[in-house]
Amino acid sequence: MTNDTHLVVQPSILYFGTPVVLLTTENADGTCNLAPISSAWALGQHIVLGLGSESQTARNLAQRPELVINVASPELWEHVERLAPLTGASPVPEAKRAVYRHERDKFAAAGLTPAAADLVRPPRVAECALQLEARARKLTPGGAGVFVTVECEVLRVHAAERVVVPGTHHIDPARWSPLIYNFRHYHGLAPELGHGFRSETAGTAAPAA
């Protein structure tokens, strides 16, 4: 085992390898907003999101709690990056004007396709292999008003057939890989090292193509 020397550092951001999701929410005029984030994690059948408090997504969820959490895969990184400098907020909040510009039709700007959801009004992202229809249950401000955490209840999961273990409801970890945002660089998962003791797919997952 390597005994590394550690340095005390102060990174400007702490995205230490986190998954990228695309959030679809409903604007006040009935159109949809599409936004990439890299602060999302699962707790049972709930997803917790971290959002900028001035983002259009946060504003939408405060008024209209339905959303779809579309989990991006590595081949979509360029589409995600096209979205990165865009905001649905108009006018653009002062704190974001130096970096972001307003875009009304983010699906078109990103080259992605909306698909109707079953239980919520915002659309799914057709190109994402995992799409989670959800409802925001609680928004909590934090960071002296800089961000909000959003607790979401997942209502329905759509999974591309190719990433599901045949005859089950299990996602095949050999076929599915999330897009990872690693200190502002995009990565996919490396080959599997092993599996956890609670794995429900060990020995059944198909070998990676």
N, C-alpha and C. Protein backbone atom coordinates (compact mmCIF):
# COMPACT_ATOMS: atom_id res chain seq x y z
N MET A 1 0.85 -1.19 0.00
CA MET A 1 0.00 0.00 0.00
C MET A 1 0.88 1.24 0.00
N THR A 2 0.52 2.21 -0.85
CA THR A 2 1.29 3.43 -0.95
C THR A 2 1.07 4.32 0.26
N ASN A 3 2.15 4.80 0.82
CA ASN A 3 2.07 5.73 1.95
C ASN A 3 2.34 7.13 1.42
N ASP A 4 1.29 7.76 0.88
CA ASP A 4 1.44 9.06 0.22
C ASP A 4 1.72 10.17 1.23
N THR A 5 2.46 11.16 0.76
CA THR A 5 2.58 12.41 1.50
C THR A 5 1.37 13.27 1.15
N HIS A 6 0.71 13.83 2.16
CA HIS A 6 -0.47 14.65 1.92
C HIS A 6 -0.15 16.12 2.13
N LEU A 7 -0.75 16.95 1.28
CA LEU A 7 -0.60 18.39 1.36
C LEU A 7 -1.92 19.01 1.82
N VAL A 8 -1.85 20.10 2.52
CA VAL A 8 -3.05 20.87 2.84
C VAL A 8 -3.34 21.79 1.66
N VAL A 9 -4.51 21.60 1.01
CA VAL A 9 -4.86 22.35 -0.18
C VAL A 9 -6.23 23.00 0.01
N GLN A 10 -6.52 23.97 -0.82
CA GLN A 10 -7.81 24.66 -0.78
C GLN A 10 -8.41 24.70 -2.18
N PRO A 11 -8.99 23.57 -2.66
CA PRO A 11 -9.60 23.55 -3.99
C PRO A 11 -10.75 24.55 -4.08
N SER A 12 -10.91 25.14 -5.26
CA SER A 12 -12.00 26.09 -5.43
C SER A 12 -13.35 25.40 -5.50
N ILE A 13 -13.36 24.14 -5.86
CA ILE A 13 -14.58 23.34 -5.89
C ILE A 13 -14.26 21.95 -5.35
N LEU A 14 -15.30 21.21 -4.93
CA LEU A 14 -15.09 19.89 -4.33
C LEU A 14 -15.87 18.81 -5.06
N TYR A 15 -15.89 18.88 -6.38
CA TYR A 15 -16.54 17.82 -7.17
C TYR A 15 -15.56 16.66 -7.31
N PHE A 16 -15.48 15.84 -6.28
CA PHE A 16 -14.47 14.79 -6.25
C PHE A 16 -14.98 13.50 -6.90
N GLY A 17 -15.47 13.62 -8.12
CA GLY A 17 -15.98 12.46 -8.84
C GLY A 17 -17.44 12.22 -8.51
N THR A 18 -18.31 13.06 -9.04
CA THR A 18 -19.73 12.97 -8.74
C THR A 18 -20.52 12.78 -10.04
N PRO A 19 -21.68 12.11 -9.98
CA PRO A 19 -22.44 11.86 -11.21
C PRO A 19 -23.12 13.12 -11.73
N VAL A 20 -23.30 13.16 -13.05
CA VAL A 20 -23.99 14.27 -13.70
C VAL A 20 -25.43 13.87 -13.98
N VAL A 21 -26.36 14.73 -13.59
CA VAL A 21 -27.77 14.51 -13.94
C VAL A 21 -28.29 15.75 -14.65
N LEU A 22 -29.26 15.52 -15.53
CA LEU A 22 -29.94 16.61 -16.23
C LEU A 22 -31.34 16.71 -15.64
N LEU A 23 -31.67 17.88 -15.10
CA LEU A 23 -32.96 18.08 -14.46
C LEU A 23 -33.91 18.81 -15.40
N THR A 24 -35.10 18.26 -15.56
CA THR A 24 -36.13 18.96 -16.30
C THR A 24 -37.20 19.41 -15.31
N THR A 25 -37.55 20.70 -15.40
CA THR A 25 -38.58 21.29 -14.55
C THR A 25 -39.48 22.14 -15.42
N GLU A 26 -40.60 22.58 -14.85
CA GLU A 26 -41.57 23.36 -15.61
C GLU A 26 -41.44 24.83 -15.28
N ASN A 27 -41.32 25.65 -16.32
CA ASN A 27 -41.31 27.10 -16.15
C ASN A 27 -42.73 27.62 -15.92
N ALA A 28 -42.82 28.87 -15.47
CA ALA A 28 -44.13 29.45 -15.16
C ALA A 28 -45.05 29.51 -16.37
N ASP A 29 -44.48 29.62 -17.58
CA ASP A 29 -45.30 29.71 -18.78
C ASP A 29 -45.63 28.35 -19.39
N GLY A 30 -45.28 27.26 -18.69
CA GLY A 30 -45.60 25.93 -19.16
C GLY A 30 -44.51 25.29 -20.00
N THR A 31 -43.48 26.06 -20.39
CA THR A 31 -42.34 25.47 -21.09
C THR A 31 -41.45 24.76 -20.08
N CYS A 32 -40.41 24.09 -20.57
CA CYS A 32 -39.57 23.34 -19.64
C CYS A 32 -38.16 23.92 -19.59
N ASN A 33 -37.52 23.72 -18.47
CA ASN A 33 -36.12 24.08 -18.30
C ASN A 33 -35.31 22.80 -18.18
N LEU A 34 -34.11 22.81 -18.75
CA LEU A 34 -33.21 21.66 -18.71
C LEU A 34 -31.88 22.13 -18.15
N ALA A 35 -31.41 21.51 -17.07
CA ALA A 35 -30.20 21.99 -16.41
C ALA A 35 -29.33 20.83 -15.94
N PRO A 36 -28.01 20.91 -16.19
CA PRO A 36 -27.10 19.89 -15.68
C PRO A 36 -26.64 20.25 -14.26
N ILE A 37 -26.56 19.26 -13.38
CA ILE A 37 -25.97 19.48 -12.07
C ILE A 37 -25.09 18.28 -11.73
N SER A 38 -24.17 18.48 -10.80
CA SER A 38 -23.30 17.38 -10.37
C SER A 38 -23.30 17.26 -8.85
N SER A 39 -24.41 17.65 -8.24
CA SER A 39 -24.60 17.46 -6.81
C SER A 39 -25.92 16.72 -6.62
N ALA A 40 -25.85 15.40 -6.71
CA ALA A 40 -27.04 14.56 -6.58
C ALA A 40 -26.64 13.24 -5.96
N TRP A 41 -27.42 12.78 -4.99
CA TRP A 41 -27.12 11.47 -4.40
C TRP A 41 -28.41 10.81 -3.95
N ALA A 42 -28.39 9.49 -3.89
CA ALA A 42 -29.59 8.71 -3.60
C ALA A 42 -29.61 8.26 -2.15
N LEU A 43 -30.79 8.35 -1.55
CA LEU A 43 -31.05 7.83 -0.21
C LEU A 43 -32.31 6.98 -0.31
N GLY A 44 -32.15 5.67 -0.48
CA GLY A 44 -33.30 4.81 -0.68
C GLY A 44 -34.01 5.17 -1.96
N GLN A 45 -35.31 5.45 -1.86
CA GLN A 45 -36.10 5.86 -3.03
C GLN A 45 -36.21 7.38 -3.13
N HIS A 46 -35.30 8.08 -2.51
CA HIS A 46 -35.25 9.54 -2.58
C HIS A 46 -33.93 9.98 -3.18
N ILE A 47 -33.96 11.11 -3.87
CA ILE A 47 -32.75 11.73 -4.41
C ILE A 47 -32.62 13.12 -3.77
N VAL A 48 -31.43 13.44 -3.32
CA VAL A 48 -31.16 14.76 -2.75
C VAL A 48 -30.32 15.55 -3.76
N LEU A 49 -30.76 16.74 -4.05
CA LEU A 49 -30.09 17.59 -5.04
C LEU A 49 -29.53 18.83 -4.37
N GLY A 50 -28.41 19.32 -4.89
CA GLY A 50 -27.87 20.61 -4.47
C GLY A 50 -27.95 21.58 -5.63
N LEU A 51 -28.63 22.71 -5.44
CA LEU A 51 -28.87 23.67 -6.52
C LEU A 51 -28.45 25.07 -6.08
N GLY A 52 -28.00 25.87 -7.03
CA GLY A 52 -27.80 27.28 -6.76
C GLY A 52 -29.13 27.94 -6.47
N SER A 53 -29.19 28.78 -5.45
CA SER A 53 -30.46 29.36 -5.04
C SER A 53 -31.08 30.28 -6.10
N GLU A 54 -30.24 30.85 -6.97
CA GLU A 54 -30.75 31.75 -8.01
C GLU A 54 -31.00 31.04 -9.33
N SER A 55 -30.85 29.74 -9.37
CA SER A 55 -31.03 29.01 -10.61
C SER A 55 -32.51 28.94 -10.97
N GLN A 56 -32.77 28.80 -12.26
CA GLN A 56 -34.15 28.65 -12.71
C GLN A 56 -34.76 27.37 -12.17
N THR A 57 -33.95 26.33 -12.05
CA THR A 57 -34.44 25.06 -11.53
C THR A 57 -34.95 25.22 -10.10
N ALA A 58 -34.19 25.91 -9.26
CA ALA A 58 -34.62 26.11 -7.87
C ALA A 58 -35.91 26.93 -7.83
N ARG A 59 -35.99 27.96 -8.66
CA ARG A 59 -37.20 28.77 -8.69
C ARG A 59 -38.40 27.95 -9.13
N ASN A 60 -38.20 27.12 -10.16
CA ASN A 60 -39.31 26.29 -10.64
C ASN A 60 -39.79 25.33 -9.57
N LEU A 61 -38.85 24.64 -8.91
CA LEU A 61 -39.25 23.63 -7.93
C LEU A 61 -39.94 24.23 -6.71
N ALA A 62 -39.62 25.46 -6.39
CA ALA A 62 -40.28 26.12 -5.27
C ALA A 62 -41.76 26.35 -5.56
N GLN A 63 -42.11 26.47 -6.85
CA GLN A 63 -43.49 26.74 -7.25
C GLN A 63 -44.18 25.53 -7.86
N ARG A 64 -43.42 24.71 -8.58
CA ARG A 64 -43.98 23.55 -9.29
C ARG A 64 -43.03 22.38 -9.03
N PRO A 65 -43.36 21.51 -8.09
CA PRO A 65 -42.39 20.54 -7.56
C PRO A 65 -42.10 19.32 -8.44
N GLU A 66 -42.77 19.19 -9.56
CA GLU A 66 -42.52 18.01 -10.40
C GLU A 66 -41.23 18.19 -11.19
N LEU A 67 -40.51 17.08 -11.39
CA LEU A 67 -39.27 17.13 -12.17
C LEU A 67 -38.94 15.73 -12.67
N VAL A 68 -37.98 15.68 -13.60
CA VAL A 68 -37.38 14.41 -14.01
C VAL A 68 -35.88 14.54 -13.80
N ILE A 69 -35.31 13.53 -13.15
CA ILE A 69 -33.87 13.46 -12.91
C ILE A 69 -33.32 12.48 -13.94
N ASN A 70 -32.69 13.01 -14.97
CA ASN A 70 -32.17 12.21 -16.07
C ASN A 70 -30.68 11.98 -15.84
N VAL A 71 -30.28 10.73 -15.68
CA VAL A 71 -28.89 10.43 -15.34
C VAL A 71 -28.09 10.26 -16.62
N ALA A 72 -27.10 11.13 -16.81
CA ALA A 72 -26.32 11.13 -18.05
C ALA A 72 -25.28 10.01 -18.05
N SER A 73 -24.95 9.54 -19.23
CA SER A 73 -23.90 8.53 -19.42
C SER A 73 -22.72 9.17 -20.15
N PRO A 74 -21.55 8.53 -20.15
CA PRO A 74 -20.34 9.18 -20.64
C PRO A 74 -20.42 9.72 -22.06
N GLU A 75 -21.16 9.04 -22.95
CA GLU A 75 -21.19 9.49 -24.34
C GLU A 75 -21.96 10.81 -24.51
N LEU A 76 -22.63 11.27 -23.46
CA LEU A 76 -23.40 12.50 -23.54
C LEU A 76 -22.63 13.72 -23.04
N TRP A 77 -21.35 13.56 -22.73
CA TRP A 77 -20.63 14.65 -22.06
C TRP A 77 -20.62 15.94 -22.89
N GLU A 78 -20.50 15.84 -24.21
CA GLU A 78 -20.47 17.06 -25.02
C GLU A 78 -21.82 17.77 -24.99
N HIS A 79 -22.90 17.02 -24.94
CA HIS A 79 -24.23 17.62 -24.82
C HIS A 79 -24.36 18.34 -23.48
N VAL A 80 -23.85 17.70 -22.43
CA VAL A 80 -23.88 18.30 -21.10
C VAL A 80 -23.09 19.61 -21.10
N GLU A 81 -21.93 19.58 -21.72
CA GLU A 81 -21.07 20.77 -21.72
C GLU A 81 -21.71 21.91 -22.51
N ARG A 82 -22.50 21.59 -23.53
CA ARG A 82 -23.21 22.66 -24.25
C ARG A 82 -24.20 23.36 -23.33
N LEU A 83 -24.75 22.64 -22.38
CA LEU A 83 -25.70 23.23 -21.45
C LEU A 83 -25.02 24.04 -20.35
N ALA A 84 -23.78 23.70 -20.05
CA ALA A 84 -23.11 24.24 -18.87
C ALA A 84 -23.13 25.77 -18.77
N PRO A 85 -22.90 26.53 -19.86
CA PRO A 85 -22.88 28.00 -19.72
C PRO A 85 -24.25 28.65 -19.90
N LEU A 86 -25.32 27.86 -19.95
CA LEU A 86 -26.65 28.40 -20.21
C LEU A 86 -27.47 28.47 -18.94
N THR A 87 -28.39 29.42 -18.90
CA THR A 87 -29.34 29.51 -17.80
C THR A 87 -30.72 29.79 -18.35
N GLY A 88 -31.72 29.24 -17.70
CA GLY A 88 -33.09 29.53 -18.08
C GLY A 88 -33.62 30.79 -17.43
N ALA A 89 -32.86 31.35 -16.50
CA ALA A 89 -33.31 32.55 -15.80
C ALA A 89 -33.19 33.77 -16.70
N SER A 90 -34.26 34.57 -16.74
CA SER A 90 -34.24 35.81 -17.53
C SER A 90 -34.98 36.89 -16.74
N PRO A 91 -34.28 37.99 -16.41
CA PRO A 91 -32.89 38.28 -16.77
C PRO A 91 -31.91 37.38 -16.03
N VAL A 92 -30.72 37.26 -16.57
CA VAL A 92 -29.68 36.46 -15.93
C VAL A 92 -29.32 37.12 -14.60
N PRO A 93 -29.32 36.36 -13.49
CA PRO A 93 -28.95 36.94 -12.19
C PRO A 93 -27.58 37.61 -12.27
N GLU A 94 -27.45 38.72 -11.59
CA GLU A 94 -26.22 39.51 -11.66
C GLU A 94 -24.99 38.68 -11.36
N ALA A 95 -25.08 37.79 -10.38
CA ALA A 95 -23.92 36.99 -9.98
C ALA A 95 -23.49 36.00 -11.06
N LYS A 96 -24.37 35.74 -12.05
CA LYS A 96 -24.06 34.75 -13.08
C LYS A 96 -23.72 35.38 -14.43
N ARG A 97 -23.86 36.69 -14.56
CA ARG A 97 -23.77 37.32 -15.88
C ARG A 97 -22.40 37.22 -16.52
N ALA A 98 -21.35 37.12 -15.74
CA ALA A 98 -20.00 37.06 -16.30
C ALA A 98 -19.73 35.73 -16.98
N VAL A 99 -20.50 34.69 -16.62
CA VAL A 99 -20.20 33.34 -17.10
C VAL A 99 -21.34 32.75 -17.91
N TYR A 100 -22.59 33.07 -17.56
CA TYR A 100 -23.74 32.40 -18.14
C TYR A 100 -24.52 33.32 -19.07
N ARG A 101 -25.24 32.71 -20.03
CA ARG A 101 -26.15 33.46 -20.89
C ARG A 101 -27.51 32.77 -20.92
N HIS A 102 -28.53 33.54 -21.14
CA HIS A 102 -29.88 32.99 -21.15
C HIS A 102 -30.14 32.20 -22.43
N GLU A 103 -30.81 31.07 -22.28
CA GLU A 103 -31.24 30.26 -23.43
C GLU A 103 -32.63 29.71 -23.12
N ARG A 104 -33.57 30.00 -23.98
CA ARG A 104 -34.95 29.56 -23.76
C ARG A 104 -35.13 28.08 -24.08
N ASP A 105 -34.61 27.64 -25.21
CA ASP A 105 -34.80 26.24 -25.64
C ASP A 105 -33.50 25.47 -25.41
N LYS A 106 -33.34 24.95 -24.23
CA LYS A 106 -32.11 24.26 -23.90
C LYS A 106 -32.01 22.88 -24.54
N PHE A 107 -33.13 22.23 -24.79
CA PHE A 107 -33.08 20.95 -25.49
C PHE A 107 -32.44 21.12 -26.86
N ALA A 108 -32.88 22.12 -27.59
CA ALA A 108 -32.32 22.36 -28.92
C ALA A 108 -30.86 22.77 -28.82
N ALA A 109 -30.53 23.62 -27.86
CA ALA A 109 -29.14 24.07 -27.72
C ALA A 109 -28.20 22.92 -27.41
N ALA A 110 -28.69 21.92 -26.67
CA ALA A 110 -27.85 20.79 -26.29
C ALA A 110 -27.90 19.65 -27.29
N GLY A 111 -28.83 19.70 -28.24
CA GLY A 111 -28.98 18.60 -29.19
C GLY A 111 -29.58 17.37 -28.55
N LEU A 112 -30.52 17.58 -27.63
CA LEU A 112 -31.18 16.48 -26.92
C LEU A 112 -32.67 16.48 -27.25
N THR A 113 -33.34 15.37 -26.93
CA THR A 113 -34.72 15.15 -27.35
C THR A 113 -35.65 15.00 -26.15
N PRO A 114 -36.70 15.83 -26.06
CA PRO A 114 -37.68 15.63 -24.98
C PRO A 114 -38.59 14.45 -25.27
N ALA A 115 -38.96 13.73 -24.21
CA ALA A 115 -39.90 12.61 -24.31
C ALA A 115 -40.90 12.74 -23.17
N ALA A 116 -42.16 12.50 -23.45
CA ALA A 116 -43.21 12.69 -22.44
C ALA A 116 -42.98 11.78 -21.24
N ALA A 117 -43.20 12.31 -20.05
CA ALA A 117 -43.17 11.52 -18.83
C ALA A 117 -44.55 10.94 -18.57
N ASP A 118 -44.63 9.99 -17.65
CA ASP A 118 -45.91 9.33 -17.35
C ASP A 118 -46.68 10.04 -16.24
N LEU A 119 -45.98 10.47 -15.19
CA LEU A 119 -46.64 10.93 -13.97
C LEU A 119 -46.40 12.39 -13.65
N VAL A 120 -45.46 13.03 -14.35
CA VAL A 120 -45.15 14.44 -14.07
C VAL A 120 -45.19 15.22 -15.38
N ARG A 121 -45.29 16.53 -15.27
CA ARG A 121 -45.42 17.38 -16.46
C ARG A 121 -44.09 17.59 -17.21
N PRO A 122 -42.96 17.81 -16.54
CA PRO A 122 -41.71 18.02 -17.29
C PRO A 122 -41.34 16.76 -18.09
N PRO A 123 -40.68 16.94 -19.22
CA PRO A 123 -40.33 15.79 -20.06
C PRO A 123 -39.07 15.08 -19.58
N ARG A 124 -38.93 13.85 -20.05
CA ARG A 124 -37.70 13.09 -19.86
C ARG A 124 -36.72 13.49 -20.98
N VAL A 125 -35.44 13.14 -20.78
CA VAL A 125 -34.43 13.31 -21.83
C VAL A 125 -34.25 11.95 -22.49
N ALA A 126 -34.68 11.84 -23.74
CA ALA A 126 -34.74 10.54 -24.42
C ALA A 126 -33.39 9.86 -24.47
N GLU A 127 -32.31 10.62 -24.60
CA GLU A 127 -30.98 10.03 -24.76
C GLU A 127 -30.41 9.45 -23.47
N CYS A 128 -30.99 9.76 -22.33
CA CYS A 128 -30.49 9.25 -21.05
C CYS A 128 -31.05 7.86 -20.78
N ALA A 129 -30.18 6.93 -20.43
CA ALA A 129 -30.60 5.54 -20.20
C ALA A 129 -31.38 5.38 -18.90
N LEU A 130 -31.18 6.27 -17.94
CA LEU A 130 -31.94 6.25 -16.69
C LEU A 130 -32.66 7.58 -16.52
N GLN A 131 -33.97 7.50 -16.30
CA GLN A 131 -34.80 8.70 -16.15
C GLN A 131 -35.71 8.48 -14.94
N LEU A 132 -35.64 9.37 -13.97
CA LEU A 132 -36.38 9.22 -12.73
C LEU A 132 -37.42 10.33 -12.61
N GLU A 133 -38.68 9.98 -12.76
CA GLU A 133 -39.75 10.94 -12.52
C GLU A 133 -39.86 11.15 -11.01
N ALA A 134 -39.98 12.39 -10.60
CA ALA A 134 -39.91 12.67 -9.17
C ALA A 134 -40.73 13.90 -8.80
N ARG A 135 -40.86 14.08 -7.48
CA ARG A 135 -41.53 15.26 -6.94
C ARG A 135 -40.67 15.80 -5.80
N ALA A 136 -40.40 17.10 -5.83
CA ALA A 136 -39.65 17.73 -4.75
C ALA A 136 -40.54 17.83 -3.51
N ARG A 137 -40.06 17.29 -2.39
CA ARG A 137 -40.84 17.28 -1.16
C ARG A 137 -40.40 18.36 -0.17
N LYS A 138 -39.14 18.79 -0.25
CA LYS A 138 -38.66 19.78 0.70
C LYS A 138 -37.47 20.53 0.12
N LEU A 139 -37.49 21.85 0.20
CA LEU A 139 -36.36 22.69 -0.20
C LEU A 139 -35.82 23.37 1.05
N THR A 140 -34.52 23.24 1.26
CA THR A 140 -33.89 23.79 2.45
C THR A 140 -32.75 24.72 2.05
N PRO A 141 -32.81 26.01 2.41
CA PRO A 141 -31.72 26.92 2.06
C PRO A 141 -30.47 26.62 2.87
N GLY A 142 -29.31 26.91 2.29
CA GLY A 142 -28.05 26.69 2.98
C GLY A 142 -26.98 27.61 2.43
N GLY A 143 -25.78 27.51 3.01
CA GLY A 143 -24.67 28.31 2.51
C GLY A 143 -24.95 29.79 2.51
N ALA A 144 -25.58 30.29 3.59
CA ALA A 144 -25.92 31.71 3.69
C ALA A 144 -26.72 32.19 2.48
N GLY A 145 -27.61 31.31 2.01
CA GLY A 145 -28.49 31.67 0.90
C GLY A 145 -27.94 31.40 -0.48
N VAL A 146 -26.74 30.83 -0.56
CA VAL A 146 -26.11 30.58 -1.86
C VAL A 146 -26.71 29.37 -2.56
N PHE A 147 -27.12 28.35 -1.82
CA PHE A 147 -27.66 27.15 -2.43
C PHE A 147 -28.88 26.66 -1.67
N VAL A 148 -29.60 25.71 -2.28
CA VAL A 148 -30.69 25.01 -1.62
C VAL A 148 -30.46 23.52 -1.82
N THR A 149 -30.82 22.73 -0.82
CA THR A 149 -30.87 21.29 -0.99
C THR A 149 -32.34 20.91 -1.19
N VAL A 150 -32.55 19.97 -2.10
CA VAL A 150 -33.90 19.58 -2.48
C VAL A 150 -34.06 18.08 -2.27
N GLU A 151 -35.01 17.71 -1.44
CA GLU A 151 -35.31 16.29 -1.22
C GLU A 151 -36.42 15.88 -2.18
N CYS A 152 -36.14 14.89 -3.01
CA CYS A 152 -37.08 14.46 -4.05
C CYS A 152 -37.50 13.01 -3.83
N GLU A 153 -38.78 12.77 -3.96
CA GLU A 153 -39.30 11.40 -3.92
C GLU A 153 -39.40 10.88 -5.35
N VAL A 154 -38.78 9.75 -5.63
CA VAL A 154 -38.84 9.15 -6.96
C VAL A 154 -40.17 8.43 -7.12
N LEU A 155 -40.88 8.76 -8.19
CA LEU A 155 -42.21 8.20 -8.45
C LEU A 155 -42.17 7.06 -9.47
N ARG A 156 -41.28 7.15 -10.44
CA ARG A 156 -41.18 6.12 -11.48
C ARG A 156 -39.79 6.17 -12.10
N VAL A 157 -39.24 4.98 -12.39
CA VAL A 157 -37.91 4.88 -13.01
C VAL A 157 -38.06 4.28 -14.40
N HIS A 158 -37.50 4.95 -15.39
CA HIS A 158 -37.43 4.43 -16.75
C HIS A 158 -35.98 4.03 -17.01
N ALA A 159 -35.76 2.81 -17.45
CA ALA A 159 -34.41 2.34 -17.75
C ALA A 159 -34.39 1.74 -19.14
N ALA A 160 -33.41 2.14 -19.95
CA ALA A 160 -33.26 1.55 -21.28
C ALA A 160 -33.09 0.03 -21.13
N GLU A 161 -33.76 -0.72 -21.99
CA GLU A 161 -33.73 -2.18 -21.89
C GLU A 161 -32.32 -2.73 -21.88
N ARG A 162 -31.42 -2.08 -22.60
CA ARG A 162 -30.06 -2.59 -22.71
C ARG A 162 -29.29 -2.56 -21.39
N VAL A 163 -29.75 -1.76 -20.39
CA VAL A 163 -29.02 -1.69 -19.13
C VAL A 163 -29.71 -2.45 -18.00
N VAL A 164 -30.75 -3.21 -18.33
CA VAL A 164 -31.49 -3.98 -17.33
C VAL A 164 -31.12 -5.45 -17.44
N VAL A 165 -30.87 -6.11 -16.28
CA VAL A 165 -30.63 -7.55 -16.27
C VAL A 165 -31.92 -8.23 -16.74
N PRO A 166 -31.88 -9.02 -17.83
CA PRO A 166 -33.10 -9.61 -18.39
C PRO A 166 -33.94 -10.34 -17.35
N GLY A 167 -35.25 -10.09 -17.39
CA GLY A 167 -36.17 -10.76 -16.50
C GLY A 167 -36.19 -10.23 -15.08
N THR A 168 -35.52 -9.10 -14.82
CA THR A 168 -35.47 -8.53 -13.48
C THR A 168 -35.77 -7.03 -13.53
N HIS A 169 -35.75 -6.41 -12.36
CA HIS A 169 -35.84 -4.97 -12.25
C HIS A 169 -34.50 -4.37 -11.88
N HIS A 170 -33.42 -5.11 -12.03
CA HIS A 170 -32.09 -4.66 -11.63
C HIS A 170 -31.34 -4.01 -12.78
N ILE A 171 -30.66 -2.90 -12.48
CA ILE A 171 -29.78 -2.28 -13.45
C ILE A 171 -28.50 -3.10 -13.52
N ASP A 172 -28.05 -3.41 -14.73
CA ASP A 172 -26.85 -4.22 -14.94
C ASP A 172 -25.62 -3.31 -14.87
N PRO A 173 -24.80 -3.42 -13.81
CA PRO A 173 -23.66 -2.51 -13.68
C PRO A 173 -22.58 -2.74 -14.72
N ALA A 174 -22.63 -3.85 -15.43
CA ALA A 174 -21.67 -4.07 -16.52
C ALA A 174 -22.10 -3.36 -17.79
N ARG A 175 -23.38 -2.98 -17.87
CA ARG A 175 -23.91 -2.31 -19.05
C ARG A 175 -24.16 -0.83 -18.83
N TRP A 176 -24.25 -0.41 -17.59
CA TRP A 176 -24.60 0.97 -17.29
C TRP A 176 -23.42 1.66 -16.60
N SER A 177 -23.16 2.87 -17.02
CA SER A 177 -22.10 3.67 -16.41
C SER A 177 -22.55 5.12 -16.39
N PRO A 178 -22.48 5.80 -15.26
CA PRO A 178 -22.83 7.21 -15.22
C PRO A 178 -21.69 8.09 -15.71
N LEU A 179 -22.03 9.27 -16.17
CA LEU A 179 -21.04 10.29 -16.47
C LEU A 179 -20.58 10.89 -15.15
N ILE A 180 -19.27 10.96 -14.94
CA ILE A 180 -18.71 11.46 -13.69
C ILE A 180 -18.04 12.81 -13.93
N TYR A 181 -18.34 13.75 -13.06
CA TYR A 181 -17.73 15.08 -13.10
C TYR A 181 -16.64 15.12 -12.03
N ASN A 182 -15.39 15.10 -12.47
CA ASN A 182 -14.25 14.95 -11.58
C ASN A 182 -13.39 16.21 -11.62
N PHE A 183 -13.61 17.11 -10.64
CA PHE A 183 -12.91 18.39 -10.60
C PHE A 183 -12.98 19.11 -11.96
N ARG A 184 -14.22 19.21 -12.46
CA ARG A 184 -14.56 19.91 -13.70
C ARG A 184 -14.04 19.22 -14.96
N HIS A 185 -13.73 17.95 -14.88
CA HIS A 185 -13.40 17.14 -16.05
C HIS A 185 -14.39 15.98 -16.10
N TYR A 186 -14.72 15.54 -17.33
CA TYR A 186 -15.70 14.48 -17.51
C TYR A 186 -15.01 13.12 -17.63
N HIS A 187 -15.56 12.12 -16.94
CA HIS A 187 -15.02 10.76 -16.95
C HIS A 187 -16.16 9.76 -16.99
N GLY A 188 -15.83 8.54 -17.44
CA GLY A 188 -16.71 7.40 -17.25
C GLY A 188 -16.13 6.55 -16.15
N LEU A 189 -16.82 5.46 -15.81
CA LEU A 189 -16.29 4.56 -14.79
C LEU A 189 -15.17 3.70 -15.36
N ALA A 190 -14.20 3.38 -14.53
CA ALA A 190 -13.16 2.42 -14.89
C ALA A 190 -13.75 1.01 -14.79
N PRO A 191 -13.05 -0.02 -15.30
CA PRO A 191 -13.56 -1.39 -15.17
C PRO A 191 -13.83 -1.77 -13.71
N GLU A 192 -14.81 -2.64 -13.52
CA GLU A 192 -15.20 -3.06 -12.17
C GLU A 192 -14.03 -3.69 -11.42
N LEU A 193 -13.93 -3.35 -10.14
CA LEU A 193 -12.91 -3.95 -9.27
C LEU A 193 -13.48 -5.09 -8.44
N GLY A 194 -14.75 -5.06 -8.18
CA GLY A 194 -15.40 -6.08 -7.35
C GLY A 194 -16.82 -5.63 -7.09
N HIS A 195 -17.51 -6.29 -6.16
CA HIS A 195 -18.88 -5.89 -5.84
C HIS A 195 -19.09 -5.91 -4.33
N GLY A 196 -20.06 -5.12 -3.91
CA GLY A 196 -20.40 -5.04 -2.51
C GLY A 196 -21.14 -6.29 -2.03
N PHE A 197 -21.13 -6.52 -0.71
CA PHE A 197 -21.73 -7.75 -0.18
C PHE A 197 -23.24 -7.78 -0.33
N ARG A 198 -23.85 -6.63 -0.58
CA ARG A 198 -25.31 -6.57 -0.77
C ARG A 198 -25.69 -6.52 -2.24
N SER A 199 -24.77 -6.75 -3.15
CA SER A 199 -25.08 -6.72 -4.58
C SER A 199 -26.17 -7.72 -4.90
N GLU A 200 -27.14 -7.28 -5.71
CA GLU A 200 -28.21 -8.16 -6.17
C GLU A 200 -27.96 -8.67 -7.58
N THR A 201 -26.85 -8.26 -8.18
CA THR A 201 -26.58 -8.65 -9.55
C THR A 201 -25.27 -9.42 -9.71
N ALA A 202 -24.54 -9.66 -8.63
CA ALA A 202 -23.27 -10.41 -8.72
C ALA A 202 -23.53 -11.78 -9.31
N GLY A 203 -22.77 -12.10 -10.36
CA GLY A 203 -22.93 -13.40 -11.01
C GLY A 203 -24.00 -13.45 -12.07
N THR A 204 -24.81 -12.38 -12.18
CA THR A 204 -25.88 -12.37 -13.19
C THR A 204 -25.64 -11.30 -14.25
N ALA A 205 -24.82 -10.30 -13.93
CA ALA A 205 -24.58 -9.22 -14.88
C ALA A 205 -23.83 -9.73 -16.10
N ALA A 206 -24.20 -9.21 -17.27
CA ALA A 206 -23.56 -9.61 -18.50
C ALA A 206 -22.16 -9.02 -18.58
N PRO A 207 -21.21 -9.69 -19.24
CA PRO A 207 -19.88 -9.09 -19.41
C PRO A 207 -19.97 -7.84 -20.26
N ALA A 208 -19.12 -6.88 -19.96
CA ALA A 208 -19.13 -5.63 -20.71
C ALA A 208 -18.79 -5.87 -22.16
N ALA A 209 -19.47 -5.14 -23.04
CA ALA A 209 -19.22 -5.31 -24.49
C ALA A 209 -17.87 -4.72 -24.86
